[in-house]
Amino acid sequence: MKHYHKGKNWIRNTIDDAQTRGSVAIPPQPVVCVFDATKIGDELLLVARAPALKANLGWVWIQQETKEAYAGLRAFVEGKGFTITAVVLDGRTGIPSVFKDIPVQICQFHQLRIARRKLTLRPETDAGKELLHITFGIAKSTETNFKKELTSWFARYESFINERTYTLGCKRWRHTHARVRSAYRSLIKNLPHLFIYQKYPEIPIPNTTNSLDGYWSYLKNLLSAHQGKTKDRIKKLVTEILRKTA
């Protein structure tokens, strides 16, 4: 600031007076999009990014990640003339149905993170250890091989994950190994979407949402340089950052 002989108040006033611009002009074309959201302040920022173009095609501020929010952003991107040929999502329940007419890849890294959260990195049971080991191999596997491993695992541990613990003196119960069971069910539920990128070699579909995961760090690092940010200032800064291709 000293170099340009400008102070904090000048910067704040300049941002406050600036008019928010729309997304960067990119010729409409077929694109693969990564849809993902991140928390900024007390709101969520949902973005549709085209990794091949290194550009964000649309974004919206939301309170919750709902099907309606994703459907609205999809409509916005397509309304600009883009044809979305496939999407990559983080695996949030219900969201794939918004894109049921095109290939949907669920991020393999997010799936691994779900398993790690449920099993921990040091599972106490053999079932948990084996399931975590299977999940860690997801990026180097195929749907056929991954399904075989899960089927084999289930054959060995079906009775284990169905064990029940009853509350003393009543008929109420819970699954004894609920976290292992939950990790397995998550893998089975998402399996049809975990290897979509291998089924469409003619479409450059990433197997993760890394294009946006890395972008979130870049965005938040830029925002951290600005102190005294009001909600309106944050949104103006974010819009200008999102407009740029990179």
Protein backbone atom coordinates (compact mmCIF):
# COMPACT_ATOMS: atom_id res chain seq x y z
CA MET A 1 0.00 0.00 0.00
CA LYS A 2 2.87 2.36 0.77
CA HIS A 3 4.29 1.74 -2.69
CA TYR A 4 1.09 3.06 -4.29
CA HIS A 5 0.55 5.74 -1.62
CA LYS A 6 -2.87 4.31 -0.76
CA GLY A 7 -4.28 3.46 2.66
CA LYS A 8 -6.72 0.86 4.01
CA ASN A 9 -9.66 3.22 3.83
CA TRP A 10 -9.01 3.90 0.14
CA ILE A 11 -8.98 0.16 -0.57
CA ARG A 12 -12.18 -0.40 1.39
CA ASN A 13 -13.95 2.49 -0.30
CA THR A 14 -12.81 1.33 -3.73
CA ILE A 15 -14.18 -2.14 -3.11
CA ASP A 16 -17.46 -0.74 -1.73
CA ASP A 17 -17.92 1.49 -4.81
CA ALA A 18 -17.02 -1.22 -7.32
CA GLN A 19 -19.78 -2.76 -9.43
CA THR A 20 -19.95 -6.56 -9.43
CA ARG A 21 -19.27 -8.02 -12.87
CA GLY A 22 -20.48 -11.30 -14.31
CA SER A 23 -18.44 -14.37 -15.13
CA VAL A 24 -15.65 -14.21 -17.69
CA ALA A 25 -16.75 -14.46 -21.34
CA ILE A 26 -15.91 -17.91 -22.72
CA PRO A 27 -17.34 -19.24 -25.99
CA PRO A 28 -20.12 -21.78 -25.33
CA GLN A 29 -18.91 -25.34 -25.85
CA PRO A 30 -19.22 -28.89 -24.47
CA VAL A 31 -17.63 -29.07 -21.00
CA VAL A 32 -17.04 -31.44 -18.13
CA CYS A 33 -17.87 -29.62 -14.89
CA VAL A 34 -16.84 -30.08 -11.29
CA PHE A 35 -19.57 -28.91 -8.91
CA ASP A 36 -18.53 -28.29 -5.32
CA ALA A 37 -19.20 -25.95 -2.40
CA THR A 38 -17.07 -24.43 0.35
CA LYS A 39 -17.89 -22.36 3.42
CA ILE A 40 -16.90 -18.69 3.34
CA GLY A 41 -18.02 -16.66 6.31
CA ASP A 42 -21.48 -17.84 7.30
CA GLU A 43 -22.52 -18.87 3.80
CA LEU A 44 -21.66 -21.55 1.27
CA LEU A 45 -20.23 -20.79 -2.15
CA LEU A 46 -21.28 -23.30 -4.80
CA VAL A 47 -19.18 -23.25 -7.98
CA ALA A 48 -19.30 -24.99 -11.36
CA ARG A 49 -15.77 -25.23 -12.74
CA ALA A 50 -14.52 -26.54 -16.08
CA PRO A 51 -11.08 -28.06 -15.32
CA ALA A 52 -10.09 -28.30 -18.99
CA LEU A 53 -10.70 -24.56 -19.43
CA LYS A 54 -9.31 -23.64 -16.00
CA ALA A 55 -12.37 -21.45 -15.62
CA ASN A 56 -15.35 -21.09 -13.30
CA LEU A 57 -18.50 -21.05 -15.40
CA GLY A 58 -20.95 -20.10 -12.67
CA TRP A 59 -21.39 -19.70 -8.92
CA VAL A 60 -24.04 -18.97 -6.35
CA TRP A 61 -24.16 -18.17 -2.63
CA ILE A 62 -26.35 -20.63 -0.71
CA GLN A 63 -27.29 -21.55 2.85
CA GLN A 64 -27.43 -25.32 2.28
CA GLU A 65 -26.32 -27.77 -0.37
CA THR A 66 -29.66 -28.83 -1.80
CA LYS A 67 -30.74 -30.42 -5.07
CA GLU A 68 -32.46 -27.16 -5.93
CA ALA A 69 -29.21 -25.20 -5.54
CA TYR A 70 -27.31 -27.58 -7.82
CA ALA A 71 -30.15 -27.65 -10.34
CA GLY A 72 -30.25 -23.86 -10.41
CA LEU A 73 -26.52 -23.58 -11.02
CA ARG A 74 -26.69 -26.23 -13.74
CA ALA A 75 -29.49 -24.28 -15.43
CA PHE A 76 -27.42 -21.10 -15.24
CA VAL A 77 -24.38 -22.71 -16.89
CA GLU A 78 -26.47 -24.33 -19.59
CA GLY A 79 -28.36 -21.09 -20.07
CA LYS A 80 -25.08 -19.49 -21.10
CA GLY A 81 -24.88 -21.97 -23.98
CA PHE A 82 -22.58 -24.61 -22.47
CA THR A 83 -23.37 -28.29 -22.90
CA ILE A 84 -22.41 -30.21 -19.76
CA THR A 85 -21.24 -33.63 -20.94
CA ALA A 86 -20.38 -35.01 -17.48
CA VAL A 87 -20.02 -33.84 -13.87
CA VAL A 88 -17.83 -34.64 -10.90
CA LEU A 89 -19.42 -34.37 -7.43
CA ASP A 90 -18.31 -34.96 -3.85
CA GLY A 91 -20.92 -37.66 -3.21
CA ARG A 92 -23.47 -35.72 -1.17
CA THR A 93 -26.69 -37.73 -0.98
CA GLY A 94 -29.37 -36.83 -3.51
CA ILE A 95 -27.27 -34.49 -5.67
CA PRO A 96 -26.47 -37.03 -8.45
CA SER A 97 -30.18 -37.14 -9.32
CA VAL A 98 -29.88 -33.56 -10.60
CA PHE A 99 -27.58 -34.88 -13.35
CA LYS A 100 -29.21 -38.25 -14.03
CA ASP A 101 -29.21 -37.65 -17.78
CA ILE A 102 -25.39 -37.37 -18.02
CA PRO A 103 -22.40 -39.30 -16.59
CA VAL A 104 -21.81 -38.54 -12.89
CA GLN A 105 -18.41 -39.26 -11.33
CA ILE A 106 -18.23 -39.19 -7.54
CA CYS A 107 -14.88 -37.96 -6.27
CA GLN A 108 -12.72 -40.91 -5.23
CA PHE A 109 -10.79 -38.77 -2.77
CA HIS A 110 -13.99 -37.74 -1.00
CA GLN A 111 -15.02 -41.39 -0.85
CA LEU A 112 -11.69 -42.26 0.72
CA ARG A 113 -12.11 -39.41 3.19
CA ILE A 114 -15.56 -40.71 4.16
CA ALA A 115 -14.10 -44.15 4.86
CA ARG A 116 -11.22 -42.66 6.86
CA ARG A 117 -13.62 -40.59 8.94
CA LYS A 118 -15.78 -43.60 9.76
CA LEU A 119 -13.01 -46.17 10.23
CA THR A 120 -10.18 -43.87 11.45
CA LEU A 121 -6.64 -44.43 10.23
CA ARG A 122 -6.14 -47.12 12.87
CA PRO A 123 -9.23 -49.34 12.88
CA GLU A 124 -9.45 -51.63 15.90
CA THR A 125 -11.09 -54.56 14.11
CA ASP A 126 -9.85 -56.79 11.30
CA ALA A 127 -12.96 -55.91 9.30
CA GLY A 128 -12.19 -52.21 9.59
CA LYS A 129 -8.53 -52.67 8.72
CA GLU A 130 -9.32 -54.71 5.61
CA LEU A 131 -12.05 -52.34 4.43
CA LEU A 132 -9.75 -49.34 4.82
CA HIS A 133 -7.03 -51.15 2.87
CA ILE A 134 -9.49 -51.87 0.05
CA THR A 135 -10.60 -48.24 -0.04
CA PHE A 136 -7.03 -46.93 -0.18
CA GLY A 137 -6.59 -48.85 -3.44
CA ILE A 138 -9.56 -47.22 -5.16
CA ALA A 139 -7.53 -44.91 -7.44
CA LYS A 140 -5.60 -47.84 -8.95
CA SER A 141 -8.57 -50.18 -9.24
CA THR A 142 -11.42 -50.77 -11.69
CA GLU A 143 -15.10 -51.11 -10.92
CA THR A 144 -14.97 -54.86 -11.54
CA ASN A 145 -12.01 -55.48 -9.25
CA PHE A 146 -13.22 -53.07 -6.58
CA LYS A 147 -16.63 -54.73 -6.53
CA LYS A 148 -15.01 -58.16 -6.23
CA GLU A 149 -12.99 -57.01 -3.24
CA LEU A 150 -16.06 -55.56 -1.53
CA THR A 151 -18.08 -58.71 -2.27
CA SER A 152 -15.33 -60.89 -0.83
CA TRP A 153 -15.07 -58.64 2.23
CA PHE A 154 -18.83 -58.78 2.82
CA ALA A 155 -18.86 -62.58 2.53
CA ARG A 156 -16.33 -62.74 5.38
CA TYR A 157 -17.84 -60.05 7.60
CA GLU A 158 -21.60 -60.06 6.92
CA SER A 159 -22.47 -61.47 10.34
CA PHE A 160 -19.95 -59.10 11.96
CA ILE A 161 -21.49 -55.89 10.57
CA ASN A 162 -25.01 -57.16 11.32
CA GLU A 163 -24.27 -57.79 15.00
CA ARG A 164 -26.65 -56.05 17.38
CA THR A 165 -26.19 -54.70 20.87
CA TYR A 166 -29.37 -54.56 22.94
CA THR A 167 -30.06 -52.05 25.68
CA LEU A 168 -30.32 -53.83 29.01
CA GLY A 169 -33.90 -54.46 30.04
CA CYS A 170 -35.61 -53.47 26.79
CA LYS A 171 -35.90 -54.36 23.13
CA ARG A 172 -33.99 -51.33 21.83
CA TRP A 173 -30.82 -52.12 19.93
CA ARG A 174 -28.08 -50.67 17.74
CA HIS A 175 -25.56 -52.14 15.34
CA THR A 176 -22.51 -53.10 17.38
CA HIS A 177 -20.07 -52.09 14.65
CA ALA A 178 -22.06 -49.20 13.22
CA ARG A 179 -19.10 -47.23 11.86
CA VAL A 180 -17.67 -50.15 9.88
CA ARG A 181 -21.15 -50.94 8.60
CA SER A 182 -21.68 -47.31 7.59
CA ALA A 183 -18.35 -47.16 5.73
CA TYR A 184 -19.24 -50.30 3.77
CA ARG A 185 -22.73 -49.05 2.92
CA SER A 186 -21.29 -45.77 1.68
CA LEU A 187 -18.95 -47.61 -0.68
CA ILE A 188 -21.75 -49.81 -1.99
CA LYS A 189 -24.13 -46.88 -2.46
CA ASN A 190 -21.59 -44.82 -4.42
CA LEU A 191 -19.98 -47.71 -6.33
CA PRO A 192 -21.99 -47.13 -9.55
CA HIS A 193 -20.49 -43.61 -9.76
CA LEU A 194 -16.92 -44.19 -8.55
CA PHE A 195 -15.49 -45.42 -11.86
CA ILE A 196 -17.54 -43.50 -14.41
CA TYR A 197 -14.36 -41.84 -15.72
CA GLN A 198 -13.18 -45.25 -16.94
CA LYS A 199 -16.43 -45.94 -18.81
CA TYR A 200 -16.21 -42.86 -21.02
CA PRO A 201 -12.63 -42.70 -22.34
CA GLU A 202 -13.76 -40.26 -25.03
CA ILE A 203 -14.71 -37.71 -22.33
CA PRO A 204 -11.92 -36.25 -20.14
CA ILE A 205 -13.66 -36.86 -16.79
CA PRO A 206 -11.48 -36.32 -13.69
CA ASN A 207 -11.87 -38.94 -10.95
CA THR A 208 -11.70 -36.29 -8.19
CA THR A 209 -12.88 -32.75 -7.46
CA ASN A 210 -9.24 -31.68 -6.98
CA SER A 211 -9.67 -28.90 -9.54
CA LEU A 212 -11.90 -27.09 -7.04
CA ASP A 213 -10.37 -28.45 -3.84
CA GLY A 214 -7.08 -26.76 -4.73
CA TYR A 215 -8.92 -23.66 -5.90
CA TRP A 216 -10.55 -23.24 -2.48
CA SER A 217 -7.13 -22.90 -0.85
CA TYR A 218 -6.07 -20.36 -3.47
CA LEU A 219 -9.27 -18.36 -2.98
CA LYS A 220 -9.12 -18.32 0.81
CA ASN A 221 -5.45 -17.36 0.84
CA LEU A 222 -6.27 -14.32 -1.27
CA LEU A 223 -9.16 -13.38 0.99
CA SER A 224 -7.02 -13.69 4.12
CA ALA A 225 -4.89 -10.77 2.93
CA HIS A 226 -7.83 -8.40 3.34
CA GLN A 227 -8.79 -7.41 6.88
CA GLY A 228 -12.01 -5.73 7.92
CA LYS A 229 -14.09 -7.55 5.33
CA THR A 230 -17.84 -7.03 5.43
CA LYS A 231 -20.10 -9.61 3.82
CA ASP A 232 -20.59 -7.40 0.75
CA ARG A 233 -16.84 -6.84 0.38
CA ILE A 234 -16.18 -10.55 0.63
CA LYS A 235 -18.69 -11.30 -2.13
CA LYS A 236 -17.25 -8.64 -4.42
CA LEU A 237 -13.72 -9.91 -3.90
CA VAL A 238 -14.79 -13.50 -4.45
CA THR A 239 -16.63 -12.59 -7.66
CA GLU A 240 -13.55 -10.86 -9.10
CA ILE A 241 -11.34 -13.81 -8.18
CA LEU A 242 -13.75 -16.34 -9.66
CA ARG A 243 -13.97 -14.41 -12.92
CA LYS A 244 -10.31 -14.98 -13.69
CA THR A 245 -9.18 -18.10 -15.50
CA ALA A 246 -6.48 -20.15 -13.74
